[in-house]
């Protein structure tokens, strides 16, 4: 199975149909270990991720529903944070890192942001006052073949499609696409892993603006989308997923990264500034 971040990113797809039954105890121990070990989000948010057993004694009276989007799954991973821009970015980063690590370990996952019963899951994780569960994922052994429902959801979401490079990555100013030659071989590989990252409704709302040895990262929102999910900003979580891909692949390639909020970022009409990263390429 894949043992690099690039391979895991390229291989991972959303799986909505799972083999029924309990996971082996050694697999559950491995999943718990992954959850406990994943750290390193840009803003240092602690998300308190938990492995939830759907049919455990303590959850026997709960209806941990996913509105029909997931079948067969007995286990879920959910975390909780105080809502806020930094927390949502970190949550996206951390849960994606968990998901990619599970992919390396041959386990299926699926980002769920607006299609699960938050009230029931809140009880299962003992949700703290003022906190929120931004997103969850099932975890388990995916069925060999995708169900009809799974195939229809993937088709409707355009899961096989990704935006073109020139609509996501820019040089010095919006509208001036960053070429792969300008990015260089190492950064081109990193940005390609960002380009194929998952996002809510496959909207890919991140925009990377290169200025010297740094990127300012912006969010281009879909109008009206934010208000659909209560206090959860799914598109800011998408930024965290993109940041995760950038950071993990940079580290894999020996490119140093420093994440920060820039006080000198450019204000761009229609784009919402989120975070910046300075990078240092290895000398040949």
Protein backbone atom coordinates (compact mmCIF):
# COMPACT_ATOMS: atom_id res chain seq x y z
CA UNK A 1 0.00 0.00 0.00
CA UNK A 2 1.00 3.63 -0.37
CA UNK A 3 3.64 4.81 2.07
CA UNK A 4 4.18 8.42 1.02
CA UNK A 5 1.87 11.40 1.38
CA UNK A 6 1.83 11.97 -2.37
CA UNK A 7 0.78 8.38 -3.02
CA UNK A 8 -1.86 8.52 -0.30
CA UNK A 9 -3.30 11.79 -1.64
CA UNK A 10 -3.41 10.39 -5.17
CA UNK A 11 -4.99 7.10 -4.08
CA UNK A 12 -7.60 8.32 -1.59
CA UNK A 13 -11.22 8.53 -2.68
CA UNK A 14 -14.41 8.93 -0.66
CA UNK A 15 -15.88 5.55 0.26
CA UNK A 16 -19.52 5.41 1.35
CA UNK A 17 -20.12 1.63 1.48
CA UNK A 18 -18.40 -0.49 4.12
CA UNK A 19 -18.12 -4.16 5.01
CA UNK A 20 -20.48 -4.76 7.93
CA UNK A 21 -19.18 -6.12 11.20
CA UNK A 22 -16.65 -5.31 13.86
CA UNK A 23 -13.12 -4.29 12.97
CA UNK A 24 -10.34 -6.51 14.40
CA UNK A 25 -8.95 -5.35 17.73
CA UNK A 26 -5.48 -4.69 16.27
CA UNK A 27 -7.05 -2.47 13.59
CA UNK A 28 -9.00 -0.53 16.21
CA UNK A 29 -5.80 -0.06 18.22
CA UNK A 30 -4.06 1.23 15.12
CA UNK A 31 -6.88 3.69 14.38
CA UNK A 32 -6.86 4.94 17.97
CA UNK A 33 -3.11 5.39 17.79
CA UNK A 34 -3.40 7.41 14.59
CA UNK A 35 -6.01 9.68 16.14
CA UNK A 36 -3.85 10.29 19.21
CA UNK A 37 -0.64 10.88 17.25
CA UNK A 38 -1.83 13.40 14.66
CA UNK A 39 -0.66 16.89 15.60
CA UNK A 40 0.93 19.91 13.97
CA UNK A 41 -1.91 22.13 12.73
CA UNK A 42 -0.78 25.67 11.83
CA UNK A 43 -2.55 27.41 14.72
CA UNK A 44 -2.12 24.69 17.33
CA UNK A 45 -5.82 23.95 17.86
CA UNK A 46 -6.65 20.85 19.91
CA UNK A 47 -9.64 19.14 18.28
CA UNK A 48 -10.18 16.22 20.71
CA UNK A 49 -10.86 13.58 18.06
CA UNK A 50 -12.58 10.39 19.20
CA UNK A 51 -13.27 6.98 17.68
CA UNK A 52 -17.00 6.34 18.04
CA UNK A 53 -18.48 2.85 17.93
CA UNK A 54 -21.97 3.08 16.50
CA UNK A 55 -23.30 -0.01 18.27
CA UNK A 56 -21.39 0.19 21.54
CA UNK A 57 -23.22 -0.09 24.85
CA UNK A 58 -22.85 3.61 25.63
CA UNK A 59 -24.29 4.56 22.22
CA UNK A 60 -27.05 1.94 22.12
CA UNK A 61 -29.81 4.54 22.44
CA UNK A 62 -28.34 6.94 19.91
CA UNK A 63 -29.18 7.13 16.24
CA UNK A 64 -25.83 8.08 14.77
CA UNK A 65 -27.29 8.81 11.37
CA UNK A 66 -25.66 10.04 8.19
CA UNK A 67 -28.90 10.64 6.28
CA UNK A 68 -28.40 7.58 4.08
CA UNK A 69 -25.08 8.72 2.66
CA UNK A 70 -23.07 5.96 4.40
CA UNK A 71 -23.90 2.26 4.57
CA UNK A 72 -22.33 -0.51 6.64
CA UNK A 73 -20.03 1.68 8.74
CA UNK A 74 -19.86 0.87 12.46
CA UNK A 75 -17.10 3.33 13.36
CA UNK A 76 -16.72 7.09 12.99
CA UNK A 77 -14.11 9.68 13.87
CA UNK A 78 -15.38 13.00 15.20
CA UNK A 79 -13.72 15.95 16.91
CA UNK A 80 -14.84 19.17 18.54
CA UNK A 81 -13.56 22.75 18.56
CA UNK A 82 -14.70 26.20 19.52
CA UNK A 83 -15.91 27.77 16.25
CA UNK A 84 -13.57 30.27 14.63
CA UNK A 85 -11.53 30.77 11.47
CA UNK A 86 -8.28 29.40 12.91
CA UNK A 87 -10.07 26.45 14.52
CA UNK A 88 -11.81 25.50 11.27
CA UNK A 89 -8.54 25.66 9.31
CA UNK A 90 -6.81 23.51 11.91
CA UNK A 91 -9.72 21.05 12.04
CA UNK A 92 -9.54 20.57 8.27
CA UNK A 93 -5.79 20.07 8.50
CA UNK A 94 -5.95 17.53 11.33
CA UNK A 95 -8.85 15.44 10.06
CA UNK A 96 -7.34 15.28 6.57
CA UNK A 97 -4.02 14.13 8.05
CA UNK A 98 -5.90 11.43 9.95
CA UNK A 99 -7.76 10.42 6.78
CA UNK A 100 -4.57 10.20 4.72
CA UNK A 101 -2.87 8.13 7.42
CA UNK A 102 -5.86 5.77 7.44
CA UNK A 103 -5.57 5.56 3.64
CA UNK A 104 -1.96 4.43 4.02
CA UNK A 105 -3.29 1.72 6.33
CA UNK A 106 -5.82 0.43 3.77
CA UNK A 107 -8.90 1.87 5.50
CA UNK A 108 -11.74 3.73 3.83
CA UNK A 109 -12.99 7.17 4.83
CA UNK A 110 -15.36 9.89 3.63
CA UNK A 111 -15.55 13.56 4.61
CA UNK A 112 -19.01 14.37 6.02
CA UNK A 113 -19.76 18.00 6.80
CA UNK A 114 -23.45 18.58 6.24
CA UNK A 115 -24.84 15.05 6.06
CA UNK A 116 -24.78 13.71 9.61
CA UNK A 117 -26.92 14.16 12.71
CA UNK A 118 -24.90 16.63 14.77
CA UNK A 119 -27.23 16.34 17.75
CA UNK A 120 -26.70 12.61 18.17
CA UNK A 121 -22.96 12.81 17.56
CA UNK A 122 -22.76 15.66 20.07
CA UNK A 123 -24.05 13.28 22.73
CA UNK A 124 -21.61 10.55 21.66
CA UNK A 125 -18.55 12.84 21.99
CA UNK A 126 -19.85 14.58 25.13
CA UNK A 127 -19.74 17.93 23.35
CA UNK A 128 -18.52 20.79 25.52
CA UNK A 129 -20.47 24.02 25.88
CA UNK A 130 -19.69 26.44 23.07
CA UNK A 131 -18.00 23.76 20.98
CA UNK A 132 -19.06 22.30 17.65
CA UNK A 133 -18.41 19.17 15.54
CA UNK A 134 -17.41 20.63 12.15
CA UNK A 135 -17.12 17.33 10.23
CA UNK A 136 -16.72 13.60 10.72
CA UNK A 137 -15.58 10.57 8.78
CA UNK A 138 -16.60 6.92 8.86
CA UNK A 139 -13.67 4.53 9.03
CA UNK A 140 -13.66 0.89 8.02
CA UNK A 141 -13.03 -1.62 5.29
CA UNK A 142 -14.69 -0.40 2.10
CA UNK A 143 -16.70 -2.82 0.02
CA UNK A 144 -14.96 -4.13 -3.07
CA UNK A 145 -17.52 -2.52 -5.36
CA UNK A 146 -19.19 0.84 -4.87
CA UNK A 147 -22.92 0.84 -4.25
CA UNK A 148 -25.28 2.46 -6.74
CA UNK A 149 -25.92 5.25 -4.24
CA UNK A 150 -22.20 5.85 -3.84
CA UNK A 151 -21.72 6.05 -7.60
CA UNK A 152 -24.62 8.49 -7.95
CA UNK A 153 -23.28 10.75 -5.20
CA UNK A 154 -19.82 10.76 -6.76
CA UNK A 155 -21.29 11.59 -10.15
CA UNK A 156 -23.45 14.39 -8.74
CA UNK A 157 -20.55 15.91 -6.82
CA UNK A 158 -18.21 15.77 -9.81
CA UNK A 159 -15.70 13.83 -7.73
CA UNK A 160 -13.64 12.89 -10.78
CA UNK A 161 -13.26 16.52 -11.81
CA UNK A 162 -10.80 19.06 -10.48
CA UNK A 163 -10.26 22.69 -11.44
CA UNK A 164 -7.44 23.52 -13.80
CA UNK A 165 -4.09 24.61 -12.39
CA UNK A 166 -4.40 28.13 -13.82
CA UNK A 167 -7.65 28.79 -11.94
CA UNK A 168 -6.11 28.03 -8.53
CA UNK A 169 -2.49 29.21 -8.50
CA UNK A 170 -1.35 32.73 -9.32
CA UNK A 171 1.88 34.73 -9.52
CA UNK A 172 2.08 38.20 -7.98
CA UNK A 173 -1.53 39.11 -8.77
CA UNK A 174 -4.94 37.51 -9.45
CA UNK A 175 -5.48 36.64 -13.08
CA UNK A 176 -1.80 35.98 -13.72
CA UNK A 177 -1.56 32.21 -13.59
CA UNK A 178 1.51 30.68 -11.97
CA UNK A 179 3.17 28.44 -14.54
CA UNK A 180 4.70 25.14 -13.52
CA UNK A 181 8.06 26.41 -14.74
CA UNK A 182 7.78 29.44 -12.45
CA UNK A 183 6.85 27.18 -9.55
CA UNK A 184 9.74 24.82 -10.19
CA UNK A 185 9.76 21.03 -10.00
CA UNK A 186 9.43 20.71 -6.23
CA UNK A 187 6.64 23.24 -5.76
CA UNK A 188 4.84 21.99 -8.86
CA UNK A 189 4.55 18.57 -7.24
CA UNK A 190 3.30 20.16 -4.02
CA UNK A 191 0.69 22.30 -5.77
CA UNK A 192 -0.57 19.38 -7.82
CA UNK A 193 -1.34 17.59 -4.56
CA UNK A 194 -3.22 20.72 -3.44
CA UNK A 195 -5.10 20.83 -6.75
CA UNK A 196 -6.55 17.35 -6.30
CA UNK A 197 -7.53 17.86 -2.65
CA UNK A 198 -11.13 17.09 -1.64
CA UNK A 199 -13.54 19.89 -0.76
CA UNK A 200 -17.19 20.40 0.10
CA UNK A 201 -19.32 19.95 -3.04
CA UNK A 202 -15.99 19.73 -4.91
CA UNK A 203 -15.87 23.55 -5.07
CA UNK A 204 -12.08 23.84 -4.47
CA UNK A 205 -12.39 27.35 -3.03
CA UNK A 206 -8.69 27.92 -2.27
CA UNK A 207 -6.60 30.42 -4.27
CA UNK A 208 -2.80 30.49 -3.85
CA UNK A 209 -0.99 33.75 -4.66
CA UNK A 210 2.81 33.40 -4.90
CA UNK A 211 4.96 36.35 -3.91
CA UNK A 212 8.66 35.56 -3.74
CA UNK A 213 9.23 32.63 -1.38
CA UNK A 214 5.74 32.67 0.07
CA UNK A 215 2.11 32.05 -0.76
CA UNK A 216 -0.85 34.04 0.48
CA UNK A 217 -3.86 31.72 0.56
CA UNK A 218 -7.33 33.09 -0.08
CA UNK A 219 -10.85 31.71 0.01
CA UNK A 220 -13.16 32.40 -2.92
CA UNK A 221 -16.55 31.68 -1.45
CA UNK A 222 -19.62 30.40 -3.15
CA UNK A 223 -22.36 32.96 -2.40
CA UNK A 224 -24.87 31.70 0.16
CA UNK A 225 -22.93 28.53 0.90
CA UNK A 226 -21.70 29.51 4.37
CA UNK A 227 -25.19 30.02 5.79
CA UNK A 228 -26.32 26.50 4.86
CA UNK A 229 -24.53 24.73 7.72
CA UNK A 230 -25.29 26.77 10.81
CA UNK A 231 -22.14 27.72 12.63
CA UNK A 232 -19.87 25.45 10.58
CA UNK A 233 -17.75 27.10 7.90
CA UNK A 234 -17.13 24.15 5.60
CA UNK A 235 -15.21 26.22 3.07
CA UNK A 236 -12.76 27.34 5.74
CA UNK A 237 -12.32 23.66 6.59
CA UNK A 238 -11.52 23.17 2.88
CA UNK A 239 -8.71 25.70 3.31
CA UNK A 240 -7.37 23.51 6.11
CA UNK A 241 -7.43 20.47 3.83
CA UNK A 242 -5.47 22.33 1.15
CA UNK A 243 -3.02 23.59 3.77
CA UNK A 244 -2.57 20.02 5.00
CA UNK A 245 -1.69 18.75 1.52
CA UNK A 246 0.75 21.62 0.96
CA UNK A 247 2.44 21.16 4.33
CA UNK A 248 2.73 17.36 4.30
CA UNK A 249 4.11 17.15 0.76
CA UNK A 250 6.55 20.01 1.37
CA UNK A 251 7.91 18.21 4.40
CA UNK A 252 8.13 14.98 2.42
CA UNK A 253 10.21 16.75 -0.23
CA UNK A 254 12.43 18.51 2.29
CA UNK A 255 10.86 21.94 1.78
CA UNK A 256 10.66 23.89 5.03
CA UNK A 257 7.40 25.72 5.77
CA UNK A 258 6.41 28.49 8.16
CA UNK A 259 2.70 29.27 8.54
CA UNK A 260 1.58 32.71 9.67
CA UNK A 261 -1.04 35.41 9.42
CA UNK A 262 0.52 38.10 7.25
CA UNK A 263 -0.07 41.72 8.16
CA UNK A 264 0.95 42.82 4.68
CA UNK A 265 -1.29 40.62 2.57
CA UNK A 266 -3.09 42.14 -0.37
CA UNK A 267 -6.82 42.81 -0.14
CA UNK A 268 -8.45 41.27 -3.21
CA UNK A 269 -12.04 41.82 -4.24
CA UNK A 270 -14.02 38.58 -4.05
CA UNK A 271 -11.26 36.74 -2.19
CA UNK A 272 -11.03 36.33 1.59
CA UNK A 273 -7.51 36.17 3.01
CA UNK A 274 -6.91 33.19 5.34
CA UNK A 275 -3.24 32.33 5.96
CA UNK A 276 0.25 32.59 4.46
CA UNK A 277 3.15 30.20 4.19
CA UNK A 278 6.83 30.93 3.72
CA UNK A 279 8.83 28.13 2.17
CA UNK A 280 12.50 27.33 1.84
CA UNK A 281 13.62 25.07 -0.99
CA UNK A 282 16.58 22.74 -0.56
CA UNK A 283 19.72 23.90 -2.35
CA UNK A 284 21.02 21.51 -4.98
